[in-house]
C-alpha atoms as a PDB file:
ATOM      1  CA  MET A   1      19.515  -8.000   7.872  1.00  0.00           C
ATOM      2  CA  LYS A   2      18.648 -11.105   5.872  1.00  0.00           C
ATOM      3  CA  TYR A   3      15.106 -11.450   4.553  1.00  0.00           C
ATOM      4  CA  SER A   4      13.203 -14.736   4.514  1.00  0.00           C
ATOM      5  CA  MET A   5      11.650 -16.033   1.301  1.00  0.00           C
ATOM      6  CA  LEU A   6       8.202 -15.232   2.746  1.00  0.00           C
ATOM      7  CA  GLN A   7       9.250 -11.617   3.375  1.00  0.00           C
ATOM      8  CA  LYS A   8      10.602 -11.327  -0.166  1.00  0.00           C
ATOM      9  CA  VAL A   9       7.421 -12.723  -1.735  1.00  0.00           C
ATOM     10  CA  LEU A  10       5.156 -10.550   0.431  1.00  0.00           C
ATOM     11  CA  HIS A  11       7.264  -7.469  -0.329  1.00  0.00           C
ATOM     12  CA  GLY A  12       7.260  -8.122  -4.072  1.00  0.00           C
ATOM     13  CA  PHE A  13       3.528  -8.831  -4.279  1.00  0.00           C
ATOM     14  CA  SER A  14       2.635  -5.865  -2.054  1.00  0.00           C
ATOM     15  CA  ALA A  15       4.963  -3.468  -3.865  1.00  0.00           C
ATOM     16  CA  LEU A  16       3.738  -4.355  -7.359  1.00  0.00           C
ATOM     17  CA  THR A  17       0.100  -4.308  -6.301  1.00  0.00           C
ATOM     18  CA  ILE A  18       0.330  -1.005  -4.416  1.00  0.00           C
ATOM     19  CA  ILE A  19       2.242   0.678  -7.224  1.00  0.00           C
ATOM     20  CA  TRP A  20      -0.403  -0.489  -9.722  1.00  0.00           C
ATOM     21  CA  LEU A  21      -3.207   0.758  -7.493  1.00  0.00           C
ATOM     22  CA  LEU A  22      -1.604   4.165  -6.968  1.00  0.00           C
ATOM     23  CA  ILE A  23      -0.594   4.791 -10.579  1.00  0.00           C
ATOM     24  CA  SER A  24      -3.864   3.593 -12.089  1.00  0.00           C
ATOM     25  CA  GLY A  25      -5.924   5.345  -9.413  1.00  0.00           C
ATOM     26  CA  PHE A  26      -4.142   8.672  -9.876  1.00  0.00           C
ATOM     27  CA  TYR A  27      -4.358   8.277 -13.658  1.00  0.00           C
ATOM     28  CA  VAL A  28      -8.123   7.798 -13.776  1.00  0.00           C
ATOM     29  CA  GLY A  29      -8.669  10.294 -10.976  1.00  0.00           C
ATOM     30  CA  LEU A  30      -6.519  13.115 -12.300  1.00  0.00           C
ATOM     31  CA  ILE A  31      -5.740  12.592 -15.975  1.00  0.00           C
ATOM     32  CA  SER A  32      -8.141  10.383 -17.893  1.00  0.00           C
ATOM     33  CA  GLU A  33     -11.515  11.716 -18.963  1.00  0.00           C
ATOM     34  CA  ASN A  34     -12.615   8.374 -20.406  1.00  0.00           C
ATOM     35  CA  LEU A  35     -15.619   7.372 -18.266  1.00  0.00           C
ATOM     36  CA  ALA A  36     -15.506   3.712 -19.350  1.00  0.00           C
ATOM     37  CA  LEU A  37     -11.832   3.502 -18.343  1.00  0.00           C
ATOM     38  CA  LYS A  38     -12.557   5.168 -14.994  1.00  0.00           C
ATOM     39  CA  VAL A  39     -15.313   2.646 -14.252  1.00  0.00           C
ATOM     40  CA  PHE A  40     -13.200  -0.330 -15.385  1.00  0.00           C
ATOM     41  CA  VAL A  41     -10.116   0.703 -13.388  1.00  0.00           C
ATOM     42  CA  GLY A  42     -12.249   1.594 -10.372  1.00  0.00           C
ATOM     43  CA  GLU A  43     -13.904  -1.835 -10.324  1.00  0.00           C
ATOM     44  CA  LEU A  44     -10.621  -3.636 -10.990  1.00  0.00           C
ATOM     45  CA  ASN A  45      -8.838  -1.699  -8.241  1.00  0.00           C
ATOM     46  CA  VAL A  46     -11.527  -2.539  -5.699  1.00  0.00           C
ATOM     47  CA  SER A  47     -11.049  -6.239  -6.474  1.00  0.00           C
ATOM     48  CA  VAL A  48      -7.253  -5.978  -6.417  1.00  0.00           C
ATOM     49  CA  SER A  49      -7.411  -4.093  -3.103  1.00  0.00           C
ATOM     50  CA  LEU A  50      -9.608  -6.792  -1.571  1.00  0.00           C
ATOM     51  CA  LEU A  51      -7.103  -9.381  -2.790  1.00  0.00           C
ATOM     52  CA  LEU A  52      -4.222  -7.380  -1.291  1.00  0.00           C
ATOM     53  CA  ALA A  53      -5.822  -6.903   2.138  1.00  0.00           C
ATOM     54  CA  PRO A  54      -5.226 -10.390   3.648  1.00  0.00           C
ATOM     55  CA  VAL A  55      -1.782 -10.610   2.041  1.00  0.00           C
ATOM     56  CA  PHE A  56      -0.892  -7.243   3.529  1.00  0.00           C
ATOM     57  CA  LEU A  57      -2.160  -8.295   6.969  1.00  0.00           C
ATOM     58  CA  LEU A  58       0.224 -11.255   6.785  1.00  0.00           C
ATOM     59  CA  ARG A  59       2.995  -8.883   5.728  1.00  0.00           C
ATOM     60  CA  LEU A  60       2.301  -6.676   8.751  1.00  0.00           C
ATOM     61  CA  TYR A  61       2.448  -9.683  11.048  1.00  0.00           C
ATOM     62  CA  VAL A  62       5.720 -10.930   9.554  1.00  0.00           C
ATOM     63  CA  SER A  63       7.319  -7.463   9.450  1.00  0.00           C
ATOM     64  CA  PHE A  64       6.403  -6.286  12.930  1.00  0.00           C
ATOM     65  CA  GLY A  65       7.142  -9.696  14.376  1.00  0.00           C
ATOM     66  CA  ARG A  66      10.745  -9.070  13.363  1.00  0.00           C
ATOM     67  CA  GLY A  67      11.125  -5.312  12.810  1.00  0.00           C
ATOM     68  CA  TYR A  68      11.279  -3.707  16.246  1.00  0.00           C
ATOM     69  CA  GLY A  69      13.206  -6.575  17.816  1.00  0.00           C
ATOM     70  CA  ALA A  70      15.953  -6.170  15.230  1.00  0.00           C
ATOM     71  CA  LEU A  71      16.448  -2.580  16.443  1.00  0.00           C
ATOM     72  CA  ALA A  72      16.839  -3.391  20.122  1.00  0.00           C
ATOM     73  CA  GLY A  73      19.989  -1.676  21.366  1.00  0.00           C
ATOM     74  CA  GLU A  74      20.553   0.156  18.071  1.00  0.00           C
ATOM     75  CA  LYS A  75      22.130   3.552  18.688  1.00  0.00           C
ATOM     76  CA  SER A  76      22.401   4.801  15.097  1.00  0.00           C
ATOM     77  CA  LEU A  77      19.590   7.039  13.822  1.00  0.00           C
ATOM     78  CA  THR A  78      19.483   5.550  10.311  1.00  0.00           C
ATOM     79  CA  PRO A  79      17.908   2.157  11.197  1.00  0.00           C
ATOM     80  CA  TRP A  80      15.348   3.903  13.412  1.00  0.00           C
ATOM     81  CA  LEU A  81      14.503   6.328  10.602  1.00  0.00           C
ATOM     82  CA  ALA A  82      14.081   3.428   8.173  1.00  0.00           C
ATOM     83  CA  PHE A  83      11.835   1.659  10.686  1.00  0.00           C
ATOM     84  CA  PHE A  84       9.767   4.851  11.117  1.00  0.00           C
ATOM     85  CA  VAL A  85       9.310   5.336   7.358  1.00  0.00           C
ATOM     86  CA  HIS A  86       8.366   1.673   6.896  1.00  0.00           C
ATOM     87  CA  THR A  87       5.884   1.922   9.744  1.00  0.00           C
ATOM     88  CA  MET A  88       4.369   5.051   8.187  1.00  0.00           C
ATOM     89  CA  MET A  89       4.102   3.235   4.837  1.00  0.00           C
ATOM     90  CA  TYR A  90       2.375   0.283   6.471  1.00  0.00           C
ATOM     91  CA  MET A  91      -0.029   2.557   8.344  1.00  0.00           C
ATOM     92  CA  SER A  92      -0.759   4.496   5.157  1.00  0.00           C
ATOM     93  CA  VAL A  93      -1.535   1.301   3.250  1.00  0.00           C
ATOM     94  CA  VAL A  94      -3.938   0.237   6.001  1.00  0.00           C
ATOM     95  CA  VAL A  95      -5.679   3.643   5.933  1.00  0.00           C
ATOM     96  CA  VAL A  96      -5.861   3.573   2.111  1.00  0.00           C
ATOM     97  CA  LEU A  97      -7.307   0.044   2.051  1.00  0.00           C
ATOM     98  CA  ILE A  98      -9.860   0.673   4.803  1.00  0.00           C
ATOM     99  CA  SER A  99     -10.943   4.091   3.546  1.00  0.00           C
ATOM    100  CA  GLY A 100     -11.162   2.729  -0.002  1.00  0.00           C
ATOM    101  CA  VAL A 101     -13.698   0.117   1.068  1.00  0.00           C
ATOM    102  CA  LEU A 102     -15.619   2.394   3.439  1.00  0.00           C
ATOM    103  CA  MET A 103     -15.973   5.157   0.814  1.00  0.00           C
ATOM    104  CA  MET A 104     -17.835   2.840  -1.565  1.00  0.00           C
ATOM    105  CA  ASP A 105     -21.236   4.281  -2.465  1.00  0.00           C
ATOM    106  CA  ARG A 106     -22.305   1.253  -4.489  1.00  0.00           C
ATOM    107  CA  PRO A 107     -22.084  -2.529  -4.102  1.00  0.00           C
ATOM    108  CA  ILE A 108     -18.556  -3.941  -4.017  1.00  0.00           C
ATOM    109  CA  ILE A 109     -18.001  -6.452  -6.823  1.00  0.00           C
ATOM    110  CA  PHE A 110     -15.031  -8.799  -6.377  1.00  0.00           C
ATOM    111  CA  PHE A 111     -13.778  -9.824  -9.852  1.00  0.00           C
ATOM    112  CA  ASN A 112     -17.404 -10.277 -11.031  1.00  0.00           C
ATOM    113  CA  VAL A 113     -17.668 -13.347  -8.790  1.00  0.00           C
ATOM    114  CA  VAL A 114     -18.936 -12.127  -5.414  1.00  0.00           C
ATOM    115  CA  THR A 115     -20.894  -8.976  -4.610  1.00  0.00           C
ATOM    116  CA  PHE A 116     -20.968  -7.287  -1.206  1.00  0.00           C
ATOM    117  CA  SER A 117     -23.223  -4.431  -0.268  1.00  0.00           C
ATOM    118  CA  GLN A 118     -21.482  -1.147   0.446  1.00  0.00           C
ATOM    119  CA  PRO A 119     -20.645  -0.731   4.149  1.00  0.00           C
ATOM    120  CA  PHE A 120     -22.558   2.557   4.557  1.00  0.00           C
ATOM    121  CA  ASN A 121     -25.602   3.998   2.822  1.00  0.00           C
ATOM    122  CA  SER A 122     -25.004   7.526   4.092  1.00  0.00           C
ATOM    123  CA  MET A 123     -23.392   9.848   1.532  1.00  0.00           C
ATOM    124  CA  ASP A 124     -21.988  11.868   4.451  1.00  0.00           C
ATOM    125  CA  VAL A 125     -20.129   8.831   5.784  1.00  0.00           C
ATOM    126  CA  THR A 126     -18.905   7.585   2.397  1.00  0.00           C
ATOM    127  CA  GLY A 127     -17.879  11.162   1.542  1.00  0.00           C
ATOM    128  CA  LEU A 128     -15.875  11.403   4.772  1.00  0.00           C
ATOM    129  CA  PHE A 129     -13.946   8.247   3.894  1.00  0.00           C
ATOM    130  CA  GLY A 130     -13.437   9.549   0.353  1.00  0.00           C
ATOM    131  CA  ARG A 131     -11.890  12.712   1.817  1.00  0.00           C
ATOM    132  CA  ILE A 132      -9.577  10.542   3.935  1.00  0.00           C
ATOM    133  CA  HIS A 133      -8.691   8.206   1.046  1.00  0.00           C
ATOM    134  CA  THR A 134      -7.237  10.760  -1.366  1.00  0.00           C
ATOM    135  CA  PRO A 135      -4.706  12.426   0.985  1.00  0.00           C
ATOM    136  CA  ALA A 136      -3.778   8.988   2.355  1.00  0.00           C
ATOM    137  CA  CYS A 137      -2.957   7.912  -1.230  1.00  0.00           C
ATOM    138  CA  VAL A 138      -0.859  11.053  -1.735  1.00  0.00           C
ATOM    139  CA  LEU A 139       1.006  10.399   1.536  1.00  0.00           C
ATOM    140  CA  LEU A 140       1.582   6.772   0.571  1.00  0.00           C
ATOM    141  CA  ALA A 141       2.927   7.808  -2.850  1.00  0.00           C
ATOM    142  CA  ALA A 142       5.303  10.286  -1.158  1.00  0.00           C
ATOM    143  CA  LEU A 143       6.524   7.651   1.315  1.00  0.00           C
ATOM    144  CA  ILE A 144       7.087   5.125  -1.473  1.00  0.00           C
ATOM    145  CA  THR A 145       9.053   7.750  -3.406  1.00  0.00           C
ATOM    146  CA  LEU A 146      11.184   8.370  -0.300  1.00  0.00           C
ATOM    147  CA  HIS A 147      11.641   4.618   0.104  1.00  0.00           C
ATOM    148  CA  VAL A 148      12.753   4.169  -3.508  1.00  0.00           C
ATOM    149  CA  ALA A 149      15.125   7.148  -3.173  1.00  0.00           C
ATOM    150  CA  ALA A 150      16.677   5.534  -0.084  1.00  0.00           C
ATOM    151  CA  VAL A 151      17.122   2.249  -1.948  1.00  0.00           C
ATOM    152  CA  ILE A 152      18.837   4.090  -4.823  1.00  0.00           C
ATOM    153  CA  LYS A 153      21.072   5.970  -2.351  1.00  0.00           C
ATOM    154  CA  HIS A 154      22.071   2.689  -0.691  1.00  0.00           C
ATOM    155  CA  GLN A 155      22.731   1.042  -4.056  1.00  0.00           C
ATOM    156  CA  LEU A 156      24.946   3.924  -5.155  1.00  0.00           C
ATOM    157  CA  SER A 157      26.878   3.799  -1.878  1.00  0.00           C
ATOM    158  CA  GLY A 158      27.609   0.089  -2.325  1.00  0.00           C
ATOM    159  CA  GLN A 159      25.035  -1.287   0.136  1.00  0.00           C
ATOM    160  CA  SER A 160      22.971  -3.597  -2.049  1.00  0.00           C
ATOM    161  CA  VAL A 161      19.542  -3.548  -0.453  1.00  0.00           C
ATOM    162  CA  ILE A 162      18.077  -4.846  -3.703  1.00  0.00           C
ATOM    163  CA  LYS A 163      20.391  -7.860  -3.645  1.00  0.00           C
ATOM    164  CA  ARG A 164      19.332  -8.699  -0.061  1.00  0.00           C
ATOM    165  CA  MET A 165      15.657  -8.278  -0.898  1.00  0.00           C
ATOM    166  CA  PHE A 166      15.542 -10.174  -4.177  1.00  0.00           C
ATOM    167  CA  CYS A 167      18.412 -12.673  -4.140  1.00  0.00           C
END
């Protein structure tokens, strides 16, 4: 399968952004005890997530506009498995982005330029979305790890997925 330049750009931007969000989010959530760093990364990640959302919607449109149709008539399990894992990654990203916004218990500040009020004032509702957000992030991290492992496996077996995606 050949990837268009738009698919390559959307993949690269999404991948780098999501990896940043996951690593920095897990770091301040699980490791760092520096309150100032937690606040800074939290506010930055909200802005970065809001920036990612429309780009990721475009990526979904481009990917699903091509993805399933490319599998029509495919009898091998491997392409279907890859499609399933990609679909699960996309769904996880959507859940992470939506739950991340809906769990906000304070105003949402977009790069110190625009401020939005939090979607819900109820701590029960924001807490529910917070409880959804964390396991969705863990699932997304696991799926990305599986994805990277598959890319490495393909590279080692002589099928250059990286070359198709980035060249």
